[in-house]
Amino acid sequence: MYSNILLEECAPDDPVREDLKLIAEQAARCKKIVSGLLNFARKNQVSHQEVDVRDIVDHSLESLIIPENIKVIIEDKMTQPQAMLDPEQMTQVITNLVKNAVDAMPSGGEIRIKLEDLPEEIMITVSDTGTGIKEEFRSKIFEPFFTTKGIGQGTGLGLATAYGIVKMHKGQITLQSNDDPAKGPTGTSFRIVLPRKKE
């Protein structure tokens, strides 16, 4: 707060202006990291409710700004969309995965969200046509604070939070990725498998 006040009072040509701007930006980043940590720490309980999985996906997309050069396709193959899930937490999972997909496609591309089900399980797959994740990073991708984004651009808590939420639902989240155009189209796909009912 004080750094922002000083920045507002600082003359445009003052030599300390850039330093104050950097302090304000980094303080805002610290605030974001602490907020993410608190949210991560709170995800220790699940409030199961009967929800429509398609509604969760639609709600997640409504809360995001998708660039015009990115196309989102929802492939709904569910025969029974109802499941016992925590709607707020699952919305956060889908939001985090779609945000990551957008970040992986700075030049545009396609995000495909596939919804499938079995009598006892539901499956959600979020795929992008982005740059892909390097093979050496894939085993670390769900670790807290691990990020492949530039300094100041990511906290490394998005996928760790998604992983924690899925595990608390007694589900699984896995990824497939290709970052080598010589091996075929690049991109990443996250697949979530969740029990339909609370165990």
N, C-alpha and C. Protein backbone atom coordinates (compact mmCIF):
# COMPACT_ATOMS: atom_id res chain seq x y z
N MET A 1 0.83 -1.20 0.00
CA MET A 1 0.00 0.00 0.00
C MET A 1 0.87 1.26 0.00
N TYR A 2 1.88 1.28 0.90
CA TYR A 2 2.74 2.47 0.98
C TYR A 2 3.57 2.65 -0.29
N SER A 3 4.00 1.55 -0.89
CA SER A 3 4.78 1.67 -2.13
C SER A 3 3.92 2.26 -3.24
N ASN A 4 2.63 1.90 -3.28
CA ASN A 4 1.73 2.46 -4.28
C ASN A 4 1.47 3.95 -4.02
N ILE A 5 1.36 4.32 -2.72
CA ILE A 5 1.17 5.74 -2.39
C ILE A 5 2.39 6.55 -2.84
N LEU A 6 3.59 6.02 -2.53
CA LEU A 6 4.82 6.71 -2.94
C LEU A 6 4.92 6.81 -4.47
N LEU A 7 4.48 5.77 -5.15
CA LEU A 7 4.51 5.76 -6.61
C LEU A 7 3.59 6.83 -7.18
N GLU A 8 2.42 6.98 -6.57
CA GLU A 8 1.47 8.01 -7.02
C GLU A 8 2.01 9.42 -6.79
N GLU A 9 2.75 9.60 -5.68
CA GLU A 9 3.27 10.92 -5.34
C GLU A 9 4.58 11.23 -6.06
N CYS A 10 5.17 10.22 -6.65
CA CYS A 10 6.48 10.38 -7.30
C CYS A 10 6.33 11.07 -8.66
N ALA A 11 7.23 12.02 -8.93
CA ALA A 11 7.21 12.72 -10.22
C ALA A 11 7.56 11.76 -11.35
N PRO A 12 6.96 11.94 -12.53
CA PRO A 12 7.20 11.03 -13.66
C PRO A 12 8.67 10.87 -14.03
N ASP A 13 9.46 11.92 -13.83
CA ASP A 13 10.88 11.87 -14.22
C ASP A 13 11.81 11.56 -13.04
N ASP A 14 11.23 11.22 -11.89
CA ASP A 14 12.05 10.93 -10.70
C ASP A 14 12.83 9.63 -10.93
N PRO A 15 14.15 9.61 -10.67
CA PRO A 15 14.95 8.40 -10.90
C PRO A 15 14.54 7.20 -10.04
N VAL A 16 13.86 7.42 -8.91
CA VAL A 16 13.46 6.29 -8.06
C VAL A 16 12.12 5.68 -8.48
N ARG A 17 11.49 6.28 -9.49
CA ARG A 17 10.16 5.82 -9.90
C ARG A 17 10.17 4.34 -10.33
N GLU A 18 11.17 3.95 -11.11
CA GLU A 18 11.25 2.56 -11.57
C GLU A 18 11.45 1.60 -10.41
N ASP A 19 12.25 2.02 -9.40
CA ASP A 19 12.46 1.18 -8.22
C ASP A 19 11.16 1.00 -7.44
N LEU A 20 10.41 2.10 -7.29
CA LEU A 20 9.13 2.04 -6.57
C LEU A 20 8.13 1.15 -7.33
N LYS A 21 8.15 1.27 -8.64
CA LYS A 21 7.25 0.45 -9.47
C LYS A 21 7.56 -1.03 -9.27
N LEU A 22 8.86 -1.36 -9.24
CA LEU A 22 9.29 -2.75 -9.04
C LEU A 22 8.87 -3.26 -7.66
N ILE A 23 9.03 -2.42 -6.63
CA ILE A 23 8.62 -2.80 -5.26
C ILE A 23 7.12 -3.08 -5.22
N ALA A 24 6.33 -2.19 -5.83
CA ALA A 24 4.87 -2.35 -5.85
C ALA A 24 4.46 -3.63 -6.57
N GLU A 25 5.12 -3.91 -7.71
CA GLU A 25 4.79 -5.11 -8.48
C GLU A 25 5.14 -6.38 -7.72
N GLN A 26 6.32 -6.39 -7.08
CA GLN A 26 6.75 -7.58 -6.35
C GLN A 26 5.93 -7.80 -5.07
N ALA A 27 5.50 -6.69 -4.45
CA ALA A 27 4.63 -6.81 -3.27
C ALA A 27 3.29 -7.43 -3.68
N ALA A 28 2.79 -7.03 -4.84
CA ALA A 28 1.53 -7.59 -5.35
C ALA A 28 1.71 -9.08 -5.64
N ARG A 29 2.89 -9.46 -6.17
CA ARG A 29 3.17 -10.86 -6.45
C ARG A 29 3.23 -11.67 -5.15
N CYS A 30 3.88 -11.09 -4.12
CA CYS A 30 3.94 -11.77 -2.81
C CYS A 30 2.53 -12.00 -2.26
N LYS A 31 1.69 -10.99 -2.42
CA LYS A 31 0.30 -11.08 -1.94
C LYS A 31 -0.41 -12.24 -2.66
N LYS A 32 -0.17 -12.35 -3.96
CA LYS A 32 -0.79 -13.42 -4.75
C LYS A 32 -0.31 -14.80 -4.31
N ILE A 33 1.00 -14.90 -4.03
CA ILE A 33 1.56 -16.18 -3.59
C ILE A 33 1.00 -16.59 -2.23
N VAL A 34 0.94 -15.63 -1.29
CA VAL A 34 0.41 -15.91 0.05
C VAL A 34 -1.06 -16.32 -0.05
N SER A 35 -1.81 -15.61 -0.89
CA SER A 35 -3.22 -15.94 -1.08
C SER A 35 -3.36 -17.36 -1.63
N GLY A 36 -2.50 -17.71 -2.60
CA GLY A 36 -2.51 -19.06 -3.16
C GLY A 36 -2.15 -20.11 -2.14
N LEU A 37 -1.17 -19.79 -1.28
CA LEU A 37 -0.77 -20.71 -0.21
C LEU A 37 -1.92 -20.96 0.76
N LEU A 38 -2.61 -19.88 1.13
CA LEU A 38 -3.73 -20.02 2.06
C LEU A 38 -4.84 -20.86 1.45
N ASN A 39 -5.12 -20.63 0.17
CA ASN A 39 -6.14 -21.43 -0.50
C ASN A 39 -5.71 -22.89 -0.58
N PHE A 40 -4.43 -23.10 -0.86
CA PHE A 40 -3.88 -24.46 -0.95
C PHE A 40 -4.01 -25.17 0.40
N ALA A 41 -3.73 -24.43 1.48
CA ALA A 41 -3.79 -25.01 2.83
C ALA A 41 -5.23 -25.34 3.24
N ARG A 42 -6.18 -24.54 2.73
CA ARG A 42 -7.58 -24.75 3.11
C ARG A 42 -8.21 -25.95 2.42
N LYS A 43 -7.61 -26.42 1.33
CA LYS A 43 -8.21 -27.50 0.55
C LYS A 43 -8.06 -28.85 1.25
N ASN A 44 -8.46 -28.93 2.50
CA ASN A 44 -8.29 -30.19 3.23
C ASN A 44 -9.63 -30.85 3.52
N GLN A 45 -10.69 -30.31 2.95
CA GLN A 45 -11.99 -30.96 3.12
C GLN A 45 -12.83 -30.75 1.86
N VAL A 46 -13.67 -31.72 1.60
CA VAL A 46 -14.49 -31.69 0.39
C VAL A 46 -15.96 -31.63 0.78
N SER A 47 -16.68 -30.69 0.19
CA SER A 47 -18.12 -30.56 0.45
C SER A 47 -18.87 -31.17 -0.74
N HIS A 48 -19.15 -32.47 -0.64
CA HIS A 48 -19.80 -33.18 -1.75
C HIS A 48 -21.25 -32.73 -1.92
N GLN A 49 -21.61 -32.46 -3.17
CA GLN A 49 -23.00 -32.14 -3.52
C GLN A 49 -23.30 -32.80 -4.86
N GLU A 50 -24.58 -33.07 -5.10
CA GLU A 50 -24.92 -33.60 -6.41
C GLU A 50 -24.90 -32.45 -7.41
N VAL A 51 -24.05 -32.56 -8.41
CA VAL A 51 -23.89 -31.49 -9.39
C VAL A 51 -23.95 -32.06 -10.80
N ASP A 52 -24.18 -31.17 -11.76
CA ASP A 52 -24.12 -31.51 -13.17
C ASP A 52 -22.72 -31.13 -13.65
N VAL A 53 -21.95 -32.11 -14.10
CA VAL A 53 -20.56 -31.87 -14.50
C VAL A 53 -20.48 -30.84 -15.62
N ARG A 54 -21.41 -30.88 -16.55
CA ARG A 54 -21.42 -29.92 -17.67
C ARG A 54 -21.57 -28.49 -17.14
N ASP A 55 -22.42 -28.33 -16.11
CA ASP A 55 -22.61 -27.00 -15.51
C ASP A 55 -21.31 -26.47 -14.91
N ILE A 56 -20.53 -27.37 -14.28
CA ILE A 56 -19.25 -26.97 -13.69
C ILE A 56 -18.30 -26.47 -14.78
N VAL A 57 -18.25 -27.19 -15.90
CA VAL A 57 -17.39 -26.78 -17.01
C VAL A 57 -17.83 -25.43 -17.57
N ASP A 58 -19.14 -25.28 -17.79
CA ASP A 58 -19.67 -24.01 -18.31
C ASP A 58 -19.36 -22.85 -17.37
N HIS A 59 -19.54 -23.08 -16.07
CA HIS A 59 -19.28 -22.03 -15.07
C HIS A 59 -17.80 -21.67 -15.04
N SER A 60 -16.92 -22.66 -15.17
CA SER A 60 -15.48 -22.42 -15.19
C SER A 60 -15.10 -21.52 -16.36
N LEU A 61 -15.66 -21.79 -17.52
CA LEU A 61 -15.34 -21.01 -18.72
C LEU A 61 -15.89 -19.59 -18.64
N GLU A 62 -17.04 -19.44 -17.98
CA GLU A 62 -17.63 -18.10 -17.83
C GLU A 62 -16.74 -17.17 -17.01
N SER A 63 -15.96 -17.74 -16.09
CA SER A 63 -15.13 -16.92 -15.20
C SER A 63 -13.78 -16.55 -15.83
N LEU A 64 -13.53 -17.02 -17.06
CA LEU A 64 -12.24 -16.77 -17.72
C LEU A 64 -12.40 -15.88 -18.95
N ILE A 65 -11.35 -15.14 -19.24
CA ILE A 65 -11.31 -14.38 -20.49
C ILE A 65 -10.45 -15.18 -21.47
N ILE A 66 -11.10 -15.72 -22.49
CA ILE A 66 -10.40 -16.52 -23.49
C ILE A 66 -10.05 -15.61 -24.67
N PRO A 67 -8.77 -15.53 -25.04
CA PRO A 67 -8.39 -14.69 -26.18
C PRO A 67 -9.13 -15.10 -27.46
N GLU A 68 -9.31 -14.13 -28.36
CA GLU A 68 -10.05 -14.39 -29.60
C GLU A 68 -9.37 -15.42 -30.50
N ASN A 69 -8.05 -15.55 -30.36
CA ASN A 69 -7.34 -16.48 -31.25
C ASN A 69 -7.31 -17.91 -30.69
N ILE A 70 -8.07 -18.15 -29.62
CA ILE A 70 -8.16 -19.50 -29.05
C ILE A 70 -9.62 -19.98 -29.12
N LYS A 71 -9.79 -21.16 -29.68
CA LYS A 71 -11.12 -21.76 -29.83
C LYS A 71 -11.31 -22.82 -28.76
N VAL A 72 -12.45 -22.77 -28.06
CA VAL A 72 -12.76 -23.77 -27.03
C VAL A 72 -13.87 -24.69 -27.55
N ILE A 73 -13.59 -25.99 -27.53
CA ILE A 73 -14.57 -26.98 -27.99
C ILE A 73 -14.92 -27.89 -26.81
N ILE A 74 -16.20 -28.02 -26.53
CA ILE A 74 -16.64 -28.96 -25.49
C ILE A 74 -17.24 -30.18 -26.17
N GLU A 75 -16.65 -31.33 -25.88
CA GLU A 75 -17.10 -32.59 -26.47
C GLU A 75 -17.78 -33.39 -25.36
N ASP A 76 -19.11 -33.29 -25.31
CA ASP A 76 -19.87 -33.92 -24.22
C ASP A 76 -20.38 -35.28 -24.64
N LYS A 77 -19.75 -36.33 -24.10
CA LYS A 77 -20.16 -37.70 -24.42
C LYS A 77 -20.75 -38.39 -23.19
N MET A 78 -21.16 -37.60 -22.19
CA MET A 78 -21.68 -38.18 -20.95
C MET A 78 -23.09 -38.71 -21.15
N THR A 79 -23.35 -39.85 -20.55
CA THR A 79 -24.71 -40.41 -20.59
C THR A 79 -25.47 -39.98 -19.34
N GLN A 80 -24.74 -39.74 -18.24
CA GLN A 80 -25.35 -39.31 -16.98
C GLN A 80 -24.43 -38.25 -16.35
N PRO A 81 -24.76 -36.97 -16.48
CA PRO A 81 -23.85 -35.90 -16.05
C PRO A 81 -23.83 -35.62 -14.54
N GLN A 82 -24.71 -36.27 -13.78
CA GLN A 82 -24.75 -36.00 -12.33
C GLN A 82 -23.65 -36.77 -11.60
N ALA A 83 -23.03 -36.08 -10.63
CA ALA A 83 -22.00 -36.72 -9.80
C ALA A 83 -21.93 -36.00 -8.45
N MET A 84 -21.39 -36.70 -7.45
CA MET A 84 -21.22 -36.12 -6.11
C MET A 84 -19.82 -35.50 -6.02
N LEU A 85 -19.76 -34.18 -6.18
CA LEU A 85 -18.48 -33.46 -6.20
C LEU A 85 -18.61 -32.18 -5.40
N ASP A 86 -17.46 -31.56 -5.10
CA ASP A 86 -17.45 -30.23 -4.51
C ASP A 86 -17.43 -29.23 -5.67
N PRO A 87 -18.55 -28.53 -5.93
CA PRO A 87 -18.61 -27.70 -7.14
C PRO A 87 -17.58 -26.57 -7.17
N GLU A 88 -17.36 -25.94 -6.03
CA GLU A 88 -16.41 -24.81 -5.98
C GLU A 88 -14.99 -25.29 -6.28
N GLN A 89 -14.60 -26.42 -5.66
CA GLN A 89 -13.25 -26.92 -5.86
C GLN A 89 -13.04 -27.46 -7.27
N MET A 90 -14.04 -28.16 -7.81
CA MET A 90 -13.88 -28.69 -9.17
C MET A 90 -13.89 -27.57 -10.21
N THR A 91 -14.62 -26.51 -9.93
CA THR A 91 -14.57 -25.34 -10.81
C THR A 91 -13.16 -24.77 -10.85
N GLN A 92 -12.51 -24.74 -9.68
CA GLN A 92 -11.13 -24.25 -9.61
C GLN A 92 -10.18 -25.14 -10.40
N VAL A 93 -10.40 -26.45 -10.34
CA VAL A 93 -9.55 -27.38 -11.10
C VAL A 93 -9.65 -27.10 -12.60
N ILE A 94 -10.88 -27.03 -13.10
CA ILE A 94 -11.09 -26.80 -14.54
C ILE A 94 -10.53 -25.44 -14.94
N THR A 95 -10.78 -24.43 -14.10
CA THR A 95 -10.28 -23.07 -14.38
C THR A 95 -8.77 -23.07 -14.49
N ASN A 96 -8.09 -23.73 -13.55
CA ASN A 96 -6.63 -23.78 -13.56
C ASN A 96 -6.10 -24.47 -14.82
N LEU A 97 -6.74 -25.58 -15.21
CA LEU A 97 -6.29 -26.32 -16.39
C LEU A 97 -6.49 -25.50 -17.67
N VAL A 98 -7.63 -24.82 -17.77
CA VAL A 98 -7.88 -24.01 -18.96
C VAL A 98 -6.95 -22.80 -19.01
N LYS A 99 -6.70 -22.17 -17.85
CA LYS A 99 -5.74 -21.05 -17.78
C LYS A 99 -4.38 -21.48 -18.29
N ASN A 100 -3.91 -22.64 -17.83
CA ASN A 100 -2.62 -23.16 -18.27
C ASN A 100 -2.60 -23.41 -19.77
N ALA A 101 -3.71 -23.93 -20.28
CA ALA A 101 -3.81 -24.20 -21.72
C ALA A 101 -3.71 -22.90 -22.52
N VAL A 102 -4.38 -21.86 -22.03
CA VAL A 102 -4.32 -20.54 -22.69
C VAL A 102 -2.89 -20.02 -22.69
N ASP A 103 -2.21 -20.13 -21.53
CA ASP A 103 -0.82 -19.65 -21.41
C ASP A 103 0.13 -20.41 -22.33
N ALA A 104 -0.20 -21.67 -22.63
CA ALA A 104 0.66 -22.50 -23.48
C ALA A 104 0.48 -22.19 -24.97
N MET A 105 -0.50 -21.32 -25.29
CA MET A 105 -0.79 -21.01 -26.70
C MET A 105 -0.78 -19.50 -26.96
N PRO A 106 0.38 -18.85 -26.78
CA PRO A 106 0.44 -17.40 -27.00
C PRO A 106 0.07 -16.98 -28.42
N SER A 107 0.26 -17.88 -29.38
CA SER A 107 -0.06 -17.56 -30.77
C SER A 107 -1.45 -18.06 -31.18
N GLY A 108 -2.19 -18.56 -30.20
CA GLY A 108 -3.53 -19.07 -30.50
C GLY A 108 -3.54 -20.57 -30.66
N GLY A 109 -4.72 -21.13 -30.75
CA GLY A 109 -4.85 -22.58 -30.89
C GLY A 109 -6.22 -23.04 -30.47
N GLU A 110 -6.27 -24.29 -29.98
CA GLU A 110 -7.57 -24.91 -29.67
C GLU A 110 -7.50 -25.61 -28.32
N ILE A 111 -8.52 -25.39 -27.51
CA ILE A 111 -8.68 -26.11 -26.25
C ILE A 111 -9.90 -27.02 -26.41
N ARG A 112 -9.69 -28.29 -26.12
CA ARG A 112 -10.79 -29.26 -26.23
C ARG A 112 -11.06 -29.85 -24.85
N ILE A 113 -12.31 -29.74 -24.40
CA ILE A 113 -12.71 -30.30 -23.12
C ILE A 113 -13.65 -31.48 -23.40
N LYS A 114 -13.16 -32.67 -23.09
CA LYS A 114 -13.96 -33.87 -23.37
C LYS A 114 -14.55 -34.41 -22.07
N LEU A 115 -15.84 -34.66 -22.08
CA LEU A 115 -16.55 -35.21 -20.91
C LEU A 115 -17.06 -36.60 -21.25
N GLU A 116 -16.67 -37.58 -20.42
CA GLU A 116 -17.08 -38.96 -20.64
C GLU A 116 -17.49 -39.55 -19.29
N ASP A 117 -18.17 -40.69 -19.34
CA ASP A 117 -18.52 -41.34 -18.07
C ASP A 117 -18.71 -42.84 -18.22
N LEU A 118 -18.59 -43.49 -17.08
CA LEU A 118 -18.92 -44.90 -16.91
C LEU A 118 -19.92 -44.96 -15.76
N PRO A 119 -20.53 -46.10 -15.50
CA PRO A 119 -21.52 -46.14 -14.40
C PRO A 119 -20.98 -45.61 -13.07
N GLU A 120 -19.70 -45.88 -12.76
CA GLU A 120 -19.15 -45.48 -11.45
C GLU A 120 -18.16 -44.33 -11.52
N GLU A 121 -17.83 -43.85 -12.71
CA GLU A 121 -16.79 -42.83 -12.85
C GLU A 121 -17.18 -41.76 -13.86
N ILE A 122 -16.56 -40.58 -13.69
CA ILE A 122 -16.66 -39.55 -14.71
C ILE A 122 -15.24 -39.17 -15.13
N MET A 123 -15.08 -38.80 -16.39
CA MET A 123 -13.77 -38.45 -16.92
C MET A 123 -13.83 -37.09 -17.58
N ILE A 124 -12.88 -36.23 -17.24
CA ILE A 124 -12.78 -34.90 -17.84
C ILE A 124 -11.37 -34.77 -18.41
N THR A 125 -11.27 -34.47 -19.70
CA THR A 125 -9.96 -34.29 -20.34
C THR A 125 -9.88 -32.89 -20.91
N VAL A 126 -8.82 -32.15 -20.54
CA VAL A 126 -8.59 -30.80 -21.05
C VAL A 126 -7.31 -30.86 -21.89
N SER A 127 -7.46 -30.63 -23.20
CA SER A 127 -6.32 -30.73 -24.12
C SER A 127 -6.08 -29.39 -24.81
N ASP A 128 -4.81 -29.11 -25.12
CA ASP A 128 -4.49 -27.90 -25.87
C ASP A 128 -3.57 -28.24 -27.03
N THR A 129 -3.42 -27.30 -27.95
CA THR A 129 -2.51 -27.47 -29.09
C THR A 129 -1.30 -26.55 -28.92
N GLY A 130 -0.89 -26.39 -27.66
CA GLY A 130 0.20 -25.48 -27.34
C GLY A 130 1.58 -26.05 -27.56
N THR A 131 2.54 -25.47 -26.87
CA THR A 131 3.95 -25.81 -27.08
C THR A 131 4.36 -27.13 -26.44
N GLY A 132 3.55 -27.66 -25.54
CA GLY A 132 3.88 -28.91 -24.86
C GLY A 132 4.81 -28.68 -23.67
N ILE A 133 4.95 -29.71 -22.85
CA ILE A 133 5.79 -29.65 -21.64
C ILE A 133 7.01 -30.53 -21.86
N LYS A 134 8.18 -29.98 -21.60
CA LYS A 134 9.42 -30.76 -21.77
C LYS A 134 9.37 -32.02 -20.91
N GLU A 135 9.93 -33.09 -21.44
CA GLU A 135 9.87 -34.39 -20.77
C GLU A 135 10.45 -34.35 -19.36
N GLU A 136 11.54 -33.59 -19.17
CA GLU A 136 12.19 -33.54 -17.85
C GLU A 136 11.35 -32.79 -16.81
N PHE A 137 10.34 -32.03 -17.26
CA PHE A 137 9.49 -31.28 -16.33
C PHE A 137 8.22 -32.04 -15.95
N ARG A 138 7.87 -33.06 -16.71
CA ARG A 138 6.56 -33.70 -16.54
C ARG A 138 6.38 -34.36 -15.17
N SER A 139 7.44 -34.93 -14.62
CA SER A 139 7.33 -35.59 -13.31
C SER A 139 7.20 -34.57 -12.17
N LYS A 140 7.53 -33.30 -12.44
CA LYS A 140 7.50 -32.27 -11.39
C LYS A 140 6.28 -31.36 -11.49
N ILE A 141 5.48 -31.57 -12.54
CA ILE A 141 4.47 -30.58 -12.90
C ILE A 141 3.41 -30.34 -11.81
N PHE A 142 3.17 -31.35 -10.94
CA PHE A 142 2.17 -31.19 -9.89
C PHE A 142 2.77 -30.76 -8.55
N GLU A 143 4.08 -30.51 -8.52
CA GLU A 143 4.74 -30.12 -7.27
C GLU A 143 4.46 -28.64 -6.96
N PRO A 144 4.17 -28.31 -5.68
CA PRO A 144 3.97 -26.90 -5.31
C PRO A 144 5.19 -26.07 -5.66
N PHE A 145 4.95 -24.88 -6.21
CA PHE A 145 5.97 -23.88 -6.57
C PHE A 145 6.76 -24.21 -7.82
N PHE A 146 6.52 -25.39 -8.43
CA PHE A 146 7.22 -25.67 -9.70
C PHE A 146 6.45 -25.00 -10.82
N THR A 147 7.14 -24.18 -11.61
CA THR A 147 6.49 -23.51 -12.74
C THR A 147 7.46 -23.42 -13.91
N THR A 148 6.92 -23.53 -15.12
CA THR A 148 7.75 -23.38 -16.31
C THR A 148 7.59 -21.97 -16.88
N LYS A 149 6.78 -21.15 -16.21
CA LYS A 149 6.54 -19.78 -16.69
C LYS A 149 7.69 -18.87 -16.25
N GLY A 150 7.77 -17.72 -16.87
CA GLY A 150 8.84 -16.77 -16.57
C GLY A 150 8.72 -16.20 -15.17
N ILE A 151 9.78 -15.55 -14.71
CA ILE A 151 9.81 -14.94 -13.38
C ILE A 151 8.68 -13.92 -13.26
N GLY A 152 7.91 -14.05 -12.18
CA GLY A 152 6.81 -13.11 -11.93
C GLY A 152 5.53 -13.45 -12.66
N GLN A 153 5.52 -14.55 -13.43
CA GLN A 153 4.32 -14.87 -14.21
C GLN A 153 3.50 -16.03 -13.64
N GLY A 154 4.12 -16.86 -12.82
CA GLY A 154 3.37 -17.99 -12.26
C GLY A 154 3.84 -18.30 -10.85
N THR A 155 2.91 -18.77 -10.00
CA THR A 155 3.26 -19.08 -8.61
C THR A 155 3.61 -20.55 -8.43
N GLY A 156 3.24 -21.39 -9.41
CA GLY A 156 3.50 -22.83 -9.27
C GLY A 156 2.53 -23.51 -8.32
N LEU A 157 1.37 -22.89 -8.09
CA LEU A 157 0.38 -23.49 -7.18
C LEU A 157 -0.86 -23.99 -7.91
N GLY A 158 -1.07 -23.57 -9.16
CA GLY A 158 -2.29 -23.94 -9.89
C GLY A 158 -2.46 -25.43 -10.06
N LEU A 159 -1.45 -26.11 -10.61
CA LEU A 159 -1.56 -27.55 -10.84
C LEU A 159 -1.43 -28.34 -9.55
N ALA A 160 -0.65 -27.82 -8.60
CA ALA A 160 -0.53 -28.50 -7.30
C ALA A 160 -1.88 -28.49 -6.58
N THR A 161 -2.58 -27.37 -6.67
CA THR A 161 -3.92 -27.26 -6.07
C THR A 161 -4.89 -28.20 -6.77
N ALA A 162 -4.85 -28.22 -8.10
CA ALA A 162 -5.72 -29.11 -8.88
C ALA A 162 -5.47 -30.57 -8.49
N TYR A 163 -4.20 -30.93 -8.36
CA TYR A 163 -3.83 -32.30 -7.98
C TYR A 163 -4.39 -32.64 -6.59
N GLY A 164 -4.23 -31.71 -5.64
CA GLY A 164 -4.72 -31.93 -4.28
C GLY A 164 -6.24 -32.12 -4.23
N ILE A 165 -6.95 -31.29 -5.00
CA ILE A 165 -8.42 -31.37 -5.01
C ILE A 165 -8.88 -32.70 -5.61
N VAL A 166 -8.27 -33.09 -6.72
CA VAL A 166 -8.64 -34.36 -7.36
C VAL A 166 -8.37 -35.54 -6.42
N LYS A 167 -7.21 -35.53 -5.75
CA LYS A 167 -6.87 -36.61 -4.82
C LYS A 167 -7.85 -36.67 -3.65
N MET A 168 -8.30 -35.50 -3.16
CA MET A 168 -9.26 -35.49 -2.05
C MET A 168 -10.63 -36.00 -2.49
N HIS A 169 -10.89 -35.96 -3.79
CA HIS A 169 -12.11 -36.55 -4.33
C HIS A 169 -11.92 -38.04 -4.62
N LYS A 170 -10.76 -38.61 -4.20
CA LYS A 170 -10.39 -40.01 -4.44
C LYS A 170 -10.27 -40.30 -5.94
N GLY A 171 -9.84 -39.26 -6.69
CA GLY A 171 -9.69 -39.42 -8.13
C GLY A 171 -8.24 -39.42 -8.56
N GLN A 172 -8.03 -39.38 -9.86
CA GLN A 172 -6.68 -39.37 -10.43
C GLN A 172 -6.59 -38.29 -11.49
N ILE A 173 -5.41 -37.66 -11.60
CA ILE A 173 -5.14 -36.70 -12.67
C ILE A 173 -3.81 -37.09 -13.30
N THR A 174 -3.81 -37.23 -14.61
CA THR A 174 -2.60 -37.61 -15.34
C THR A 174 -2.42 -36.68 -16.53
N LEU A 175 -1.20 -36.67 -17.08
CA LEU A 175 -0.97 -35.81 -18.24
C LEU A 175 -0.21 -36.55 -19.32
N GLN A 176 -0.48 -36.13 -20.55
CA GLN A 176 0.29 -36.56 -21.71
C GLN A 176 0.68 -35.29 -22.44
N SER A 177 1.92 -35.23 -22.93
CA SER A 177 2.37 -34.02 -23.59
C SER A 177 3.39 -34.33 -24.66
N ASN A 178 3.44 -33.49 -25.68
CA ASN A 178 4.47 -33.57 -26.71
C ASN A 178 4.98 -32.17 -27.02
N ASP A 179 6.28 -31.96 -26.83
CA ASP A 179 6.88 -30.65 -27.12
C ASP A 179 7.78 -30.70 -28.34
N ASP A 180 7.81 -31.85 -29.04
CA ASP A 180 8.69 -32.03 -30.18
C ASP A 180 7.86 -32.15 -31.47
N PRO A 181 7.86 -31.11 -32.31
CA PRO A 181 7.06 -31.15 -33.55
C PRO A 181 7.44 -32.31 -34.47
N ALA A 182 8.67 -32.82 -34.34
CA ALA A 182 9.11 -33.95 -35.17
C ALA A 182 8.35 -35.23 -34.82
N LYS A 183 7.80 -35.28 -33.61
CA LYS A 183 7.09 -36.48 -33.16
C LYS A 183 5.57 -36.38 -33.37
N GLY A 184 5.13 -35.28 -33.96
CA GLY A 184 3.69 -35.10 -34.18
C GLY A 184 3.22 -33.76 -33.63
N PRO A 185 1.90 -33.52 -33.66
CA PRO A 185 1.37 -32.25 -33.18
C PRO A 185 1.73 -32.01 -31.70
N THR A 186 2.18 -30.79 -31.40
CA THR A 186 2.52 -30.48 -30.01
C THR A 186 1.26 -30.15 -29.21
N GLY A 187 1.38 -30.27 -27.89
CA GLY A 187 0.26 -29.94 -27.02
C GLY A 187 0.28 -30.79 -25.76
N THR A 188 -0.64 -30.47 -24.87
CA THR A 188 -0.72 -31.17 -23.58
C THR A 188 -2.16 -31.55 -23.29
N SER A 189 -2.33 -32.68 -22.66
CA SER A 189 -3.67 -33.17 -22.31
C SER A 189 -3.67 -33.63 -20.85
N PHE A 190 -4.56 -33.05 -20.05
CA PHE A 190 -4.75 -33.47 -18.66
C PHE A 190 -6.04 -34.26 -18.57
N ARG A 191 -5.96 -35.43 -17.97
CA ARG A 191 -7.15 -36.30 -17.84
C ARG A 191 -7.46 -36.53 -16.37
N ILE A 192 -8.70 -36.26 -16.00
CA ILE A 192 -9.16 -36.42 -14.62
C ILE A 192 -10.19 -37.56 -14.58
N VAL A 193 -10.00 -38.49 -13.66
CA VAL A 193 -10.97 -39.58 -13.46
C VAL A 193 -11.45 -39.47 -12.02
N LEU A 194 -12.77 -39.34 -11.84
CA LEU A 194 -13.35 -39.16 -10.50
C LEU A 194 -14.45 -40.18 -10.24
N PRO A 195 -14.55 -40.67 -9.01
CA PRO A 195 -15.68 -41.53 -8.68
C PRO A 195 -16.97 -40.73 -8.73
N ARG A 196 -18.02 -41.33 -9.25
CA ARG A 196 -19.29 -40.60 -9.38
C ARG A 196 -19.93 -40.32 -8.02
N LYS A 197 -19.74 -41.26 -7.09
CA LYS A 197 -20.34 -41.11 -5.76
C LYS A 197 -19.26 -40.96 -4.71
N LYS A 198 -19.62 -40.34 -3.61
CA LYS A 198 -18.70 -40.18 -2.49
C LYS A 198 -18.37 -41.56 -1.90
N GLU A 199 -17.06 -41.81 -1.75
CA GLU A 199 -16.65 -43.12 -1.23
C GLU A 199 -16.75 -43.16 0.29
